[in-house]
């Protein structure tokens, strides 16, 4: 269900950017994948449950790891995202 919702959201973003005249060759690579969007949605849910407090980097890492443990099909996506976050730091 989350994947369907994420897919709908991504399609809306693509449609809006196309309507604004953007070239899909320029913006498609910067959009998250459906699974990445699902992970961000699950992360947002966990933050809401924690009184909407922004997590520290260490807590964020634990949140993402917990998502991977709770949703095994997203494990590869979570680890890829964590790798990118490590590179950005």
Protein backbone atom coordinates (compact mmCIF):
# COMPACT_ATOMS: atom_id res chain seq x y z
CA UNK A 1 0.00 0.00 0.00
CA UNK A 2 2.82 2.43 0.85
CA UNK A 3 4.50 1.69 -2.46
CA UNK A 4 1.31 2.54 -4.34
CA UNK A 5 0.97 5.79 -2.40
CA UNK A 6 4.63 6.66 -3.02
CA UNK A 7 4.27 5.85 -6.71
CA UNK A 8 1.24 8.14 -6.97
CA UNK A 9 3.18 10.91 -5.22
CA UNK A 10 6.15 10.54 -7.57
CA UNK A 11 3.91 10.55 -10.63
CA UNK A 12 2.34 13.78 -9.37
CA UNK A 13 5.77 15.37 -8.94
CA UNK A 14 6.81 14.29 -12.44
CA UNK A 15 3.57 15.58 -13.94
CA UNK A 16 3.89 18.96 -12.21
CA UNK A 17 7.50 19.40 -13.32
CA UNK A 18 6.60 18.47 -16.88
CA UNK A 19 3.72 20.97 -16.83
CA UNK A 20 6.20 23.64 -15.71
CA UNK A 21 8.22 22.91 -18.83
CA UNK A 22 11.14 21.13 -17.20
CA UNK A 23 13.10 18.62 -19.24
CA UNK A 24 12.68 15.11 -17.78
CA UNK A 25 16.25 14.27 -18.81
CA UNK A 26 17.40 16.93 -16.36
CA UNK A 27 15.27 16.12 -13.31
CA UNK A 28 14.43 12.40 -13.33
CA UNK A 29 17.73 11.33 -11.77
CA UNK A 30 17.29 13.68 -8.82
CA UNK A 31 13.92 12.20 -7.83
CA UNK A 32 13.86 9.46 -5.20
CA UNK A 33 12.85 5.94 -6.14
CA UNK A 34 9.50 4.62 -4.98
CA UNK A 35 11.22 2.59 -2.24
CA UNK A 36 13.25 5.62 -1.10
CA UNK A 37 10.06 7.61 -0.83
CA UNK A 38 8.47 4.79 1.19
CA UNK A 39 11.44 4.87 3.58
CA UNK A 40 11.10 8.65 3.99
CA UNK A 41 7.36 8.22 4.64
CA UNK A 42 8.03 5.58 7.30
CA UNK A 43 10.72 7.80 8.84
CA UNK A 44 8.27 10.70 8.99
CA UNK A 45 5.75 8.44 10.72
CA UNK A 46 8.33 7.49 13.37
CA UNK A 47 9.20 11.15 13.91
CA UNK A 48 5.50 12.02 14.34
CA UNK A 49 5.18 9.25 16.93
CA UNK A 50 8.11 10.81 18.82
CA UNK A 51 6.29 14.16 19.31
CA UNK A 52 7.72 15.40 16.01
CA UNK A 53 11.18 15.95 17.47
CA UNK A 54 13.88 16.11 14.81
CA UNK A 55 16.24 13.20 15.34
CA UNK A 56 19.94 13.63 15.92
CA UNK A 57 22.18 12.01 13.28
CA UNK A 58 22.66 8.99 15.56
CA UNK A 59 18.93 8.66 16.18
CA UNK A 60 18.22 9.09 12.47
CA UNK A 61 20.62 6.24 11.73
CA UNK A 62 18.77 4.05 14.27
CA UNK A 63 15.38 5.02 12.80
CA UNK A 64 16.48 4.00 9.32
CA UNK A 65 18.00 0.74 10.59
CA UNK A 66 14.75 -0.04 12.39
CA UNK A 67 12.82 0.53 9.17
CA UNK A 68 15.12 -1.99 7.45
CA UNK A 69 14.50 -4.51 10.23
CA UNK A 70 10.73 -3.97 10.24
CA UNK A 71 10.40 -3.99 6.44
CA UNK A 72 12.92 -6.48 4.97
CA UNK A 73 12.06 -5.68 1.32
CA UNK A 74 13.35 -2.13 1.99
CA UNK A 75 16.67 -3.23 3.54
CA UNK A 76 18.79 -2.65 0.42
CA UNK A 77 17.22 0.77 -0.11
CA UNK A 78 17.82 1.79 3.53
CA UNK A 79 21.49 0.77 3.40
CA UNK A 80 21.95 2.62 0.10
CA UNK A 81 20.42 5.73 1.64
CA UNK A 82 22.58 5.41 4.75
CA UNK A 83 25.65 5.12 2.53
CA UNK A 84 24.71 8.36 0.77
CA UNK A 85 24.14 10.10 4.09
CA UNK A 86 27.59 8.99 5.28
CA UNK A 87 29.17 10.36 2.11
CA UNK A 88 27.40 13.70 2.55
CA UNK A 89 28.76 14.13 6.08
